[in-house]
């Protein structure tokens, strides 16, 4: 959101084959209660303006926020809600197309989110 000088990432941890194509099943997961690995869109590389905006968000005075959910729908077929994890800060990045970025959460994420994340990459 440009006018807010912020980026909001809505992340689904368990990306089912019927709802996500192979090119959008990004590897997004909790590393710990305060570190999260997130992947950019598949065509992004470290030099693109979008990735540079993420990497340099603090220097540019912008914020990045994470919202996560376990899966797209719950057991009765209703849309699953997202859990707001709050603001994060850039730690490091690696790779290209997509770029894997490690974020440090300013507030540790709930243990239930960590467990769901571990199960999603299990």
C-alpha atoms as a PDB file:
ATOM      1  CA  UNK A   1       0.000   0.000   0.000  1.00  0.00           C
ATOM      2  CA  UNK A   2       1.948   2.948  -1.305  1.00  0.00           C
ATOM      3  CA  UNK A   3      -0.003   5.706   0.422  1.00  0.00           C
ATOM      4  CA  UNK A   4       0.518   3.958   3.784  1.00  0.00           C
ATOM      5  CA  UNK A   5       4.204   3.326   3.077  1.00  0.00           C
ATOM      6  CA  UNK A   6       3.683  -0.291   4.087  1.00  0.00           C
ATOM      7  CA  UNK A   7       3.563  -3.789   2.630  1.00  0.00           C
ATOM      8  CA  UNK A   8       1.140  -6.408   3.966  1.00  0.00           C
ATOM      9  CA  UNK A   9       1.926 -10.056   3.184  1.00  0.00           C
ATOM     10  CA  UNK A  10      -1.062 -12.424   3.398  1.00  0.00           C
ATOM     11  CA  UNK A  11       0.482 -15.894   3.658  1.00  0.00           C
ATOM     12  CA  UNK A  12      -1.161 -19.303   3.408  1.00  0.00           C
ATOM     13  CA  UNK A  13       1.139 -21.918   4.930  1.00  0.00           C
ATOM     14  CA  UNK A  14      -0.364 -25.106   3.459  1.00  0.00           C
ATOM     15  CA  UNK A  15      -0.707 -24.494  -0.247  1.00  0.00           C
ATOM     16  CA  UNK A  16      -2.865 -27.247  -1.739  1.00  0.00           C
ATOM     17  CA  UNK A  17      -2.312 -28.419  -5.300  1.00  0.00           C
ATOM     18  CA  UNK A  18      -5.950 -27.732  -6.202  1.00  0.00           C
ATOM     19  CA  UNK A  19      -5.744 -24.041  -5.216  1.00  0.00           C
ATOM     20  CA  UNK A  20      -2.108 -23.151  -5.943  1.00  0.00           C
ATOM     21  CA  UNK A  21      -0.098 -23.732  -9.109  1.00  0.00           C
ATOM     22  CA  UNK A  22       3.449 -25.096  -8.851  1.00  0.00           C
ATOM     23  CA  UNK A  23       4.780 -21.576  -9.486  1.00  0.00           C
ATOM     24  CA  UNK A  24       2.842 -20.114  -6.524  1.00  0.00           C
ATOM     25  CA  UNK A  25       3.489 -22.789  -3.884  1.00  0.00           C
ATOM     26  CA  UNK A  26       6.112 -20.647  -2.196  1.00  0.00           C
ATOM     27  CA  UNK A  27       8.075 -21.982   0.753  1.00  0.00           C
ATOM     28  CA  UNK A  28       6.820 -19.770   3.591  1.00  0.00           C
ATOM     29  CA  UNK A  29       7.403 -20.993   7.147  1.00  0.00           C
ATOM     30  CA  UNK A  30       8.329 -20.079  10.702  1.00  0.00           C
ATOM     31  CA  UNK A  31      11.978 -20.615  11.554  1.00  0.00           C
ATOM     32  CA  UNK A  32      11.333 -19.829  15.221  1.00  0.00           C
ATOM     33  CA  UNK A  33       8.839 -17.742  17.195  1.00  0.00           C
ATOM     34  CA  UNK A  34      10.556 -14.581  16.015  1.00  0.00           C
ATOM     35  CA  UNK A  35      11.957 -15.494  12.579  1.00  0.00           C
ATOM     36  CA  UNK A  36       9.940 -16.200   9.444  1.00  0.00           C
ATOM     37  CA  UNK A  37      11.090 -17.329   5.985  1.00  0.00           C
ATOM     38  CA  UNK A  38       9.025 -15.884   3.133  1.00  0.00           C
ATOM     39  CA  UNK A  39       9.442 -16.162  -0.632  1.00  0.00           C
ATOM     40  CA  UNK A  40       8.736 -13.450  -3.187  1.00  0.00           C
ATOM     41  CA  UNK A  41       6.809 -14.010  -6.388  1.00  0.00           C
ATOM     42  CA  UNK A  42       8.593 -16.486  -8.650  1.00  0.00           C
ATOM     43  CA  UNK A  43       9.927 -13.957 -11.175  1.00  0.00           C
ATOM     44  CA  UNK A  44      11.524 -11.622  -8.612  1.00  0.00           C
ATOM     45  CA  UNK A  45      15.279 -11.312  -8.123  1.00  0.00           C
ATOM     46  CA  UNK A  46      17.317  -9.342  -5.555  1.00  0.00           C
ATOM     47  CA  UNK A  47      17.869  -6.423  -7.948  1.00  0.00           C
ATOM     48  CA  UNK A  48      14.231  -5.784  -8.829  1.00  0.00           C
ATOM     49  CA  UNK A  49      12.641  -2.617  -7.406  1.00  0.00           C
ATOM     50  CA  UNK A  50      10.060  -4.627  -5.453  1.00  0.00           C
ATOM     51  CA  UNK A  51      12.646  -6.793  -3.688  1.00  0.00           C
ATOM     52  CA  UNK A  52      14.843  -3.754  -3.063  1.00  0.00           C
ATOM     53  CA  UNK A  53      11.832  -2.081  -1.424  1.00  0.00           C
ATOM     54  CA  UNK A  54      11.479  -5.060   0.919  1.00  0.00           C
ATOM     55  CA  UNK A  55      15.209  -5.326   1.696  1.00  0.00           C
ATOM     56  CA  UNK A  56      15.574  -1.595   2.360  1.00  0.00           C
ATOM     57  CA  UNK A  57      12.196  -0.957   3.976  1.00  0.00           C
ATOM     58  CA  UNK A  58      13.630   0.417   7.243  1.00  0.00           C
ATOM     59  CA  UNK A  59      15.981   2.856   5.506  1.00  0.00           C
ATOM     60  CA  UNK A  60      13.063   4.034   3.360  1.00  0.00           C
ATOM     61  CA  UNK A  61      10.840   4.557   6.384  1.00  0.00           C
ATOM     62  CA  UNK A  62       8.311   1.898   5.438  1.00  0.00           C
ATOM     63  CA  UNK A  63       6.928  -1.086   7.310  1.00  0.00           C
ATOM     64  CA  UNK A  64       6.274  -4.711   6.411  1.00  0.00           C
ATOM     65  CA  UNK A  65       3.495  -6.677   8.133  1.00  0.00           C
ATOM     66  CA  UNK A  66       2.805 -10.429   8.079  1.00  0.00           C
ATOM     67  CA  UNK A  67      -0.586 -12.120   8.252  1.00  0.00           C
ATOM     68  CA  UNK A  68      -0.719 -15.928   8.105  1.00  0.00           C
ATOM     69  CA  UNK A  69      -3.230 -18.742   8.012  1.00  0.00           C
ATOM     70  CA  UNK A  70      -2.824 -22.487   7.948  1.00  0.00           C
ATOM     71  CA  UNK A  71      -4.906 -23.175   4.808  1.00  0.00           C
ATOM     72  CA  UNK A  72      -7.318 -21.438   2.442  1.00  0.00           C
ATOM     73  CA  UNK A  73     -10.490 -23.038   3.836  1.00  0.00           C
ATOM     74  CA  UNK A  74     -11.379 -24.746   7.094  1.00  0.00           C
ATOM     75  CA  UNK A  75     -12.947 -28.194   7.616  1.00  0.00           C
ATOM     76  CA  UNK A  76     -16.458 -26.985   6.717  1.00  0.00           C
ATOM     77  CA  UNK A  77     -15.355 -25.163   3.564  1.00  0.00           C
ATOM     78  CA  UNK A  78     -15.464 -21.623   4.947  1.00  0.00           C
ATOM     79  CA  UNK A  79     -12.622 -19.230   4.217  1.00  0.00           C
ATOM     80  CA  UNK A  80      -9.956 -19.445   6.910  1.00  0.00           C
ATOM     81  CA  UNK A  81      -9.062 -16.213   8.716  1.00  0.00           C
ATOM     82  CA  UNK A  82      -5.558 -14.788   8.839  1.00  0.00           C
ATOM     83  CA  UNK A  83      -3.622 -14.236  12.074  1.00  0.00           C
ATOM     84  CA  UNK A  84      -1.941 -10.827  12.206  1.00  0.00           C
ATOM     85  CA  UNK A  85       1.688 -11.334  13.261  1.00  0.00           C
ATOM     86  CA  UNK A  86       2.529  -7.640  13.170  1.00  0.00           C
ATOM     87  CA  UNK A  87       5.499  -5.697  11.908  1.00  0.00           C
ATOM     88  CA  UNK A  88       8.708  -7.406  10.817  1.00  0.00           C
ATOM     89  CA  UNK A  89      12.238  -6.319  10.012  1.00  0.00           C
ATOM     90  CA  UNK A  90      14.499  -7.551   7.226  1.00  0.00           C
ATOM     91  CA  UNK A  91      17.271  -9.939   8.334  1.00  0.00           C
ATOM     92  CA  UNK A  92      18.693 -11.468   5.130  1.00  0.00           C
ATOM     93  CA  UNK A  93      17.825 -12.793   1.706  1.00  0.00           C
ATOM     94  CA  UNK A  94      19.006 -15.617  -0.544  1.00  0.00           C
ATOM     95  CA  UNK A  95      18.328 -17.023  -3.968  1.00  0.00           C
ATOM     96  CA  UNK A  96      16.549 -15.642  -6.966  1.00  0.00           C
ATOM     97  CA  UNK A  97      13.243 -16.298  -8.728  1.00  0.00           C
ATOM     98  CA  UNK A  98      11.942 -16.454  -6.038  1.00  0.00           C
ATOM     99  CA  UNK A  99      13.998 -14.632  -3.427  1.00  0.00           C
ATOM    100  CA  UNK A 100      13.831 -16.108   0.073  1.00  0.00           C
ATOM    101  CA  UNK A 101      13.692 -13.397   2.728  1.00  0.00           C
ATOM    102  CA  UNK A 102      14.109 -13.941   6.461  1.00  0.00           C
ATOM    103  CA  UNK A 103      12.086 -11.522   8.598  1.00  0.00           C
ATOM    104  CA  UNK A 104      12.410 -10.877  12.336  1.00  0.00           C
ATOM    105  CA  UNK A 105       9.062 -10.381  14.044  1.00  0.00           C
ATOM    106  CA  UNK A 106       8.903  -7.523  16.515  1.00  0.00           C
ATOM    107  CA  UNK A 107       6.508  -9.605  18.634  1.00  0.00           C
ATOM    108  CA  UNK A 108       6.986 -13.388  18.847  1.00  0.00           C
ATOM    109  CA  UNK A 109       4.323 -15.326  16.970  1.00  0.00           C
ATOM    110  CA  UNK A 110       1.855 -17.571  18.800  1.00  0.00           C
ATOM    111  CA  UNK A 111       3.047 -21.139  19.346  1.00  0.00           C
ATOM    112  CA  UNK A 112       0.039 -22.463  17.381  1.00  0.00           C
ATOM    113  CA  UNK A 113       1.240 -20.617  14.285  1.00  0.00           C
ATOM    114  CA  UNK A 114       4.731 -22.069  14.691  1.00  0.00           C
ATOM    115  CA  UNK A 115       3.281 -25.592  15.001  1.00  0.00           C
ATOM    116  CA  UNK A 116       1.074 -25.114  11.890  1.00  0.00           C
ATOM    117  CA  UNK A 117       4.072 -23.812  10.002  1.00  0.00           C
ATOM    118  CA  UNK A 118       6.254 -26.753  10.969  1.00  0.00           C
ATOM    119  CA  UNK A 119       3.474 -29.135   9.875  1.00  0.00           C
ATOM    120  CA  UNK A 120       3.204 -27.352   6.506  1.00  0.00           C
ATOM    121  CA  UNK A 121       6.861 -28.040   5.596  1.00  0.00           C
ATOM    122  CA  UNK A 122       7.031 -31.305   7.558  1.00  0.00           C
END
